[in-house]
Amino acid sequence: MNLYQIHKILKIAIACVWLINGFWCKILNGVPRHEAIVSKILGPEYARELTIFIGISEVLLAIWVLTGIKSKWSSILQIIIVASMNILEFFLADELLLWGKTNALFALFFILVVLINEFFIKARMNQE
């Protein structure tokens, strides 16, 4: 498998994470725990609406990832979002997380995949 194929597979996998979490978990409420986390951190009054808004944002981010437009900016934004979200959840809602505080390790893994795919694999492809 060459670098282009690896980059493409990782790009699709990254977009799928955003799409599934945004559409299924949040918009369709397939995982009610997501709304509970939003409620705990931002308050219960508009938790459903905010969860849907976050879900729509994640779906749009998935589309952005797939387009490849301004991919460095997309990657930086993804890293900031995942890091920020997980820091908040770690300290404010860890009891609602699927794996508790260990969720941070999965977030770190996702951040590393985004980072490696954009700033190492794609950068190396551009050098060849």
N, C-alpha and C. Protein backbone atom coordinates (compact mmCIF):
# COMPACT_ATOMS: atom_id res chain seq x y z
N MET A 1 0.85 -1.18 0.00
CA MET A 1 0.00 0.00 0.00
C MET A 1 0.89 1.24 0.00
N ASN A 2 0.58 2.19 -0.87
CA ASN A 2 1.40 3.40 -0.94
C ASN A 2 0.85 4.51 -0.03
N LEU A 3 1.60 5.59 0.07
CA LEU A 3 1.21 6.70 0.96
C LEU A 3 -0.14 7.30 0.57
N TYR A 4 -0.39 7.42 -0.72
CA TYR A 4 -1.66 7.98 -1.17
C TYR A 4 -2.83 7.14 -0.67
N GLN A 5 -2.72 5.84 -0.78
CA GLN A 5 -3.79 4.95 -0.33
C GLN A 5 -3.98 5.03 1.19
N ILE A 6 -2.89 5.05 1.93
CA ILE A 6 -2.97 5.16 3.39
C ILE A 6 -3.64 6.48 3.78
N HIS A 7 -3.21 7.56 3.13
CA HIS A 7 -3.79 8.88 3.41
C HIS A 7 -5.29 8.88 3.13
N LYS A 8 -5.69 8.31 2.02
CA LYS A 8 -7.10 8.29 1.64
C LYS A 8 -7.92 7.46 2.63
N ILE A 9 -7.43 6.30 3.01
CA ILE A 9 -8.13 5.44 3.97
C ILE A 9 -8.28 6.15 5.31
N LEU A 10 -7.21 6.78 5.78
CA LEU A 10 -7.28 7.50 7.06
C LEU A 10 -8.23 8.69 6.97
N LYS A 11 -8.21 9.39 5.84
CA LYS A 11 -9.11 10.52 5.66
C LYS A 11 -10.57 10.07 5.73
N ILE A 12 -10.88 8.97 5.10
CA ILE A 12 -12.25 8.43 5.13
C ILE A 12 -12.60 7.97 6.55
N ALA A 13 -11.67 7.33 7.22
CA ALA A 13 -11.91 6.87 8.60
C ALA A 13 -12.17 8.05 9.54
N ILE A 14 -11.38 9.11 9.40
CA ILE A 14 -11.55 10.31 10.22
C ILE A 14 -12.92 10.93 9.96
N ALA A 15 -13.28 11.05 8.69
CA ALA A 15 -14.59 11.61 8.35
C ALA A 15 -15.72 10.75 8.91
N CYS A 16 -15.55 9.44 8.87
CA CYS A 16 -16.57 8.53 9.41
C CYS A 16 -16.77 8.74 10.92
N VAL A 17 -15.69 8.97 11.63
CA VAL A 17 -15.81 9.23 13.07
C VAL A 17 -16.69 10.45 13.30
N TRP A 18 -16.43 11.53 12.56
CA TRP A 18 -17.24 12.75 12.71
C TRP A 18 -18.68 12.52 12.27
N LEU A 19 -18.85 11.82 11.15
CA LEU A 19 -20.20 11.58 10.63
C LEU A 19 -21.03 10.72 11.58
N ILE A 20 -20.47 9.64 12.05
CA ILE A 20 -21.21 8.75 12.96
C ILE A 20 -21.53 9.46 14.27
N ASN A 21 -20.53 10.13 14.84
CA ASN A 21 -20.76 10.83 16.11
C ASN A 21 -21.75 11.98 15.94
N GLY A 22 -21.67 12.68 14.82
CA GLY A 22 -22.58 13.79 14.60
C GLY A 22 -23.99 13.35 14.24
N PHE A 23 -24.10 12.50 13.23
CA PHE A 23 -25.42 12.14 12.72
C PHE A 23 -26.12 11.11 13.62
N TRP A 24 -25.48 9.99 13.81
CA TRP A 24 -26.13 8.91 14.58
C TRP A 24 -26.20 9.25 16.07
N CYS A 25 -25.07 9.56 16.65
CA CYS A 25 -25.03 9.74 18.11
C CYS A 25 -25.76 10.98 18.58
N LYS A 26 -25.62 12.09 17.85
CA LYS A 26 -26.17 13.35 18.34
C LYS A 26 -27.48 13.75 17.66
N ILE A 27 -27.51 13.85 16.35
CA ILE A 27 -28.72 14.30 15.66
C ILE A 27 -29.86 13.29 15.85
N LEU A 28 -29.59 12.01 15.61
CA LEU A 28 -30.62 10.98 15.76
C LEU A 28 -30.76 10.48 17.20
N ASN A 29 -29.91 10.98 18.08
CA ASN A 29 -29.91 10.60 19.50
C ASN A 29 -29.72 9.10 19.70
N GLY A 30 -28.90 8.51 18.84
CA GLY A 30 -28.61 7.08 18.94
C GLY A 30 -27.82 6.73 20.18
N VAL A 31 -27.13 7.71 20.73
CA VAL A 31 -26.39 7.51 21.98
C VAL A 31 -26.78 8.67 22.91
N PRO A 32 -27.83 8.48 23.72
CA PRO A 32 -28.34 9.55 24.58
C PRO A 32 -27.30 10.12 25.56
N ARG A 33 -26.26 9.37 25.81
CA ARG A 33 -25.20 9.84 26.70
C ARG A 33 -24.59 11.16 26.20
N HIS A 34 -24.56 11.35 24.89
CA HIS A 34 -24.00 12.59 24.33
C HIS A 34 -24.82 13.80 24.79
N GLU A 35 -26.13 13.68 24.73
CA GLU A 35 -26.98 14.78 25.20
C GLU A 35 -26.84 14.98 26.71
N ALA A 36 -26.67 13.90 27.44
CA ALA A 36 -26.48 14.00 28.89
C ALA A 36 -25.19 14.76 29.21
N ILE A 37 -24.16 14.54 28.42
CA ILE A 37 -22.89 15.25 28.61
C ILE A 37 -23.08 16.73 28.33
N VAL A 38 -23.76 17.05 27.22
CA VAL A 38 -24.04 18.45 26.89
C VAL A 38 -24.84 19.09 28.01
N SER A 39 -25.84 18.39 28.52
CA SER A 39 -26.67 18.90 29.60
C SER A 39 -25.85 19.17 30.86
N LYS A 40 -24.95 18.26 31.17
CA LYS A 40 -24.12 18.41 32.37
C LYS A 40 -23.18 19.60 32.25
N ILE A 41 -22.59 19.80 31.06
CA ILE A 41 -21.59 20.85 30.87
C ILE A 41 -22.24 22.20 30.57
N LEU A 42 -23.26 22.24 29.72
CA LEU A 42 -23.85 23.50 29.28
C LEU A 42 -25.21 23.80 29.90
N GLY A 43 -25.76 22.85 30.63
CA GLY A 43 -27.06 23.04 31.26
C GLY A 43 -28.16 22.33 30.51
N PRO A 44 -29.22 21.94 31.23
CA PRO A 44 -30.27 21.12 30.63
C PRO A 44 -31.28 21.87 29.76
N GLU A 45 -31.38 23.18 29.91
CA GLU A 45 -32.46 23.92 29.25
C GLU A 45 -32.50 23.73 27.74
N TYR A 46 -31.37 23.83 27.09
CA TYR A 46 -31.32 23.70 25.63
C TYR A 46 -30.40 22.55 25.21
N ALA A 47 -30.28 21.55 26.05
CA ALA A 47 -29.34 20.46 25.78
C ALA A 47 -29.64 19.75 24.47
N ARG A 48 -30.91 19.47 24.18
CA ARG A 48 -31.26 18.76 22.94
C ARG A 48 -30.90 19.61 21.72
N GLU A 49 -31.26 20.88 21.75
CA GLU A 49 -30.96 21.77 20.62
C GLU A 49 -29.46 21.93 20.43
N LEU A 50 -28.74 22.09 21.52
CA LEU A 50 -27.28 22.24 21.43
C LEU A 50 -26.63 20.95 20.93
N THR A 51 -27.15 19.81 21.36
CA THR A 51 -26.62 18.53 20.90
C THR A 51 -26.84 18.38 19.40
N ILE A 52 -28.00 18.76 18.91
CA ILE A 52 -28.28 18.71 17.47
C ILE A 52 -27.34 19.66 16.72
N PHE A 53 -27.15 20.87 17.26
CA PHE A 53 -26.23 21.83 16.64
C PHE A 53 -24.81 21.27 16.57
N ILE A 54 -24.36 20.67 17.66
CA ILE A 54 -23.03 20.05 17.67
C ILE A 54 -22.97 18.93 16.64
N GLY A 55 -24.03 18.14 16.56
CA GLY A 55 -24.08 17.05 15.59
C GLY A 55 -24.01 17.55 14.16
N ILE A 56 -24.75 18.60 13.86
CA ILE A 56 -24.71 19.19 12.52
C ILE A 56 -23.30 19.70 12.22
N SER A 57 -22.68 20.33 13.20
CA SER A 57 -21.30 20.83 13.03
C SER A 57 -20.35 19.68 12.73
N GLU A 58 -20.54 18.55 13.40
CA GLU A 58 -19.68 17.40 13.17
C GLU A 58 -19.90 16.80 11.78
N VAL A 59 -21.13 16.77 11.32
CA VAL A 59 -21.42 16.29 9.96
C VAL A 59 -20.75 17.21 8.94
N LEU A 60 -20.86 18.51 9.15
CA LEU A 60 -20.20 19.46 8.24
C LEU A 60 -18.69 19.30 8.27
N LEU A 61 -18.13 19.01 9.44
CA LEU A 61 -16.69 18.77 9.54
C LEU A 61 -16.31 17.51 8.77
N ALA A 62 -17.14 16.48 8.84
CA ALA A 62 -16.88 15.25 8.07
C ALA A 62 -16.83 15.56 6.58
N ILE A 63 -17.77 16.37 6.11
CA ILE A 63 -17.79 16.76 4.69
C ILE A 63 -16.53 17.54 4.34
N TRP A 64 -16.14 18.47 5.22
CA TRP A 64 -14.93 19.25 4.99
C TRP A 64 -13.71 18.34 4.88
N VAL A 65 -13.61 17.37 5.79
CA VAL A 65 -12.48 16.44 5.76
C VAL A 65 -12.44 15.71 4.41
N LEU A 66 -13.59 15.24 3.96
CA LEU A 66 -13.64 14.49 2.70
C LEU A 66 -13.28 15.34 1.48
N THR A 67 -13.61 16.63 1.52
CA THR A 67 -13.29 17.49 0.37
C THR A 67 -11.80 17.71 0.23
N GLY A 68 -11.08 17.70 1.35
CA GLY A 68 -9.65 17.97 1.31
C GLY A 68 -9.30 19.44 1.15
N ILE A 69 -10.30 20.31 1.15
CA ILE A 69 -10.08 21.74 1.01
C ILE A 69 -9.47 22.28 2.31
N LYS A 70 -8.39 23.04 2.18
CA LYS A 70 -7.72 23.63 3.35
C LYS A 70 -7.55 22.58 4.44
N SER A 71 -6.98 21.44 4.07
CA SER A 71 -6.91 20.30 4.98
C SER A 71 -6.06 20.57 6.23
N LYS A 72 -5.07 21.43 6.11
CA LYS A 72 -4.29 21.76 7.32
C LYS A 72 -5.15 22.48 8.34
N TRP A 73 -5.98 23.42 7.88
CA TRP A 73 -6.88 24.13 8.78
C TRP A 73 -7.92 23.19 9.38
N SER A 74 -8.41 22.30 8.55
CA SER A 74 -9.37 21.30 9.02
C SER A 74 -8.74 20.44 10.12
N SER A 75 -7.52 20.00 9.89
CA SER A 75 -6.83 19.16 10.87
C SER A 75 -6.57 19.90 12.17
N ILE A 76 -6.14 21.14 12.06
CA ILE A 76 -5.89 21.95 13.26
C ILE A 76 -7.19 22.14 14.04
N LEU A 77 -8.27 22.44 13.34
CA LEU A 77 -9.56 22.61 13.99
C LEU A 77 -10.01 21.32 14.68
N GLN A 78 -9.84 20.19 14.00
CA GLN A 78 -10.21 18.91 14.60
C GLN A 78 -9.44 18.65 15.89
N ILE A 79 -8.16 18.91 15.86
CA ILE A 79 -7.31 18.68 17.04
C ILE A 79 -7.76 19.58 18.18
N ILE A 80 -8.04 20.84 17.89
CA ILE A 80 -8.51 21.77 18.92
C ILE A 80 -9.85 21.32 19.49
N ILE A 81 -10.77 20.93 18.62
CA ILE A 81 -12.10 20.50 19.06
C ILE A 81 -12.00 19.27 19.94
N VAL A 82 -11.29 18.26 19.49
CA VAL A 82 -11.20 17.01 20.25
C VAL A 82 -10.49 17.24 21.58
N ALA A 83 -9.41 17.99 21.57
CA ALA A 83 -8.69 18.26 22.81
C ALA A 83 -9.57 19.05 23.79
N SER A 84 -10.20 20.11 23.31
CA SER A 84 -11.05 20.95 24.17
C SER A 84 -12.22 20.15 24.74
N MET A 85 -12.90 19.44 23.85
CA MET A 85 -14.05 18.65 24.27
C MET A 85 -13.66 17.62 25.32
N ASN A 86 -12.55 16.97 25.12
CA ASN A 86 -12.15 15.92 26.05
C ASN A 86 -11.62 16.46 27.37
N ILE A 87 -11.00 17.63 27.34
CA ILE A 87 -10.59 18.26 28.60
C ILE A 87 -11.82 18.62 29.43
N LEU A 88 -12.81 19.24 28.77
CA LEU A 88 -14.06 19.58 29.47
C LEU A 88 -14.73 18.33 30.04
N GLU A 89 -14.86 17.32 29.21
CA GLU A 89 -15.52 16.08 29.66
C GLU A 89 -14.74 15.40 30.78
N PHE A 90 -13.44 15.41 30.68
CA PHE A 90 -12.58 14.77 31.68
C PHE A 90 -12.83 15.35 33.07
N PHE A 91 -12.96 16.68 33.12
CA PHE A 91 -13.11 17.34 34.41
C PHE A 91 -14.56 17.55 34.84
N LEU A 92 -15.49 17.65 33.88
CA LEU A 92 -16.86 18.02 34.23
C LEU A 92 -17.90 16.91 34.07
N ALA A 93 -17.57 15.87 33.31
CA ALA A 93 -18.59 14.85 33.06
C ALA A 93 -18.00 13.45 32.88
N ASP A 94 -16.91 13.16 33.56
CA ASP A 94 -16.23 11.88 33.35
C ASP A 94 -17.11 10.67 33.66
N GLU A 95 -18.06 10.82 34.57
CA GLU A 95 -18.94 9.70 34.93
C GLU A 95 -19.90 9.33 33.79
N LEU A 96 -20.06 10.22 32.81
CA LEU A 96 -20.95 9.96 31.68
C LEU A 96 -20.22 9.40 30.45
N LEU A 97 -18.90 9.40 30.51
CA LEU A 97 -18.11 8.93 29.37
C LEU A 97 -18.12 7.41 29.30
N LEU A 98 -18.07 6.87 28.10
CA LEU A 98 -18.12 5.43 27.89
C LEU A 98 -17.03 4.71 28.68
N TRP A 99 -15.82 5.23 28.65
CA TRP A 99 -14.70 4.62 29.36
C TRP A 99 -14.17 5.51 30.48
N GLY A 100 -14.99 6.40 30.98
CA GLY A 100 -14.57 7.29 32.06
C GLY A 100 -13.39 8.14 31.62
N LYS A 101 -12.48 8.38 32.53
CA LYS A 101 -11.31 9.22 32.23
C LYS A 101 -10.40 8.59 31.17
N THR A 102 -10.52 7.28 30.98
CA THR A 102 -9.73 6.59 29.95
C THR A 102 -10.10 7.06 28.55
N ASN A 103 -11.28 7.67 28.41
CA ASN A 103 -11.68 8.24 27.11
C ASN A 103 -10.60 9.16 26.56
N ALA A 104 -9.87 9.82 27.44
CA ALA A 104 -8.83 10.75 27.02
C ALA A 104 -7.77 10.05 26.17
N LEU A 105 -7.51 8.78 26.44
CA LEU A 105 -6.53 8.03 25.64
C LEU A 105 -7.04 7.81 24.22
N PHE A 106 -8.33 7.53 24.09
CA PHE A 106 -8.91 7.37 22.75
C PHE A 106 -8.89 8.70 22.00
N ALA A 107 -9.15 9.78 22.71
CA ALA A 107 -9.09 11.11 22.10
C ALA A 107 -7.67 11.41 21.62
N LEU A 108 -6.70 11.08 22.45
CA LEU A 108 -5.29 11.29 22.08
C LEU A 108 -4.94 10.47 20.84
N PHE A 109 -5.41 9.23 20.79
CA PHE A 109 -5.17 8.39 19.62
C PHE A 109 -5.77 9.02 18.37
N PHE A 110 -7.00 9.52 18.46
CA PHE A 110 -7.65 10.16 17.31
C PHE A 110 -6.87 11.40 16.88
N ILE A 111 -6.45 12.21 17.85
CA ILE A 111 -5.65 13.40 17.54
C ILE A 111 -4.37 13.00 16.81
N LEU A 112 -3.71 11.94 17.27
CA LEU A 112 -2.48 11.48 16.62
C LEU A 112 -2.74 11.01 15.19
N VAL A 113 -3.86 10.34 14.96
CA VAL A 113 -4.20 9.89 13.60
C VAL A 113 -4.39 11.09 12.68
N VAL A 114 -5.14 12.09 13.16
CA VAL A 114 -5.35 13.31 12.36
C VAL A 114 -4.01 14.00 12.09
N LEU A 115 -3.21 14.14 13.11
CA LEU A 115 -1.90 14.80 13.01
C LEU A 115 -0.98 14.06 12.05
N ILE A 116 -0.86 12.77 12.21
CA ILE A 116 0.03 11.98 11.36
C ILE A 116 -0.45 11.99 9.91
N ASN A 117 -1.76 11.85 9.71
CA ASN A 117 -2.29 11.80 8.35
C ASN A 117 -2.03 13.10 7.59
N GLU A 118 -2.23 14.22 8.26
CA GLU A 118 -2.08 15.51 7.58
C GLU A 118 -0.64 16.00 7.54
N PHE A 119 0.06 15.95 8.66
CA PHE A 119 1.34 16.62 8.76
C PHE A 119 2.55 15.72 8.53
N PHE A 120 2.31 14.42 8.42
CA PHE A 120 3.43 13.51 8.12
C PHE A 120 3.19 12.79 6.79
N ILE A 121 2.07 12.07 6.72
CA ILE A 121 1.81 11.29 5.49
C ILE A 121 1.57 12.22 4.30
N LYS A 122 0.65 13.17 4.45
CA LYS A 122 0.36 14.07 3.31
C LYS A 122 1.59 14.93 2.99
N ALA A 123 2.29 15.39 4.00
CA ALA A 123 3.49 16.20 3.74
C ALA A 123 4.53 15.38 2.98
N ARG A 124 4.68 14.13 3.32
CA ARG A 124 5.64 13.27 2.63
C ARG A 124 5.18 13.00 1.20
N MET A 125 3.87 12.84 1.01
CA MET A 125 3.33 12.65 -0.35
C MET A 125 3.67 13.85 -1.23
N ASN A 126 3.55 15.03 -0.66
CA ASN A 126 3.81 16.27 -1.41
C ASN A 126 5.27 16.43 -1.76
N GLN A 127 6.16 15.76 -1.03
CA GLN A 127 7.60 15.83 -1.32
C GLN A 127 8.00 14.90 -2.45
N GLU A 128 7.19 13.86 -2.64
CA GLU A 128 7.55 12.87 -3.66
C GLU A 128 7.20 13.32 -5.06
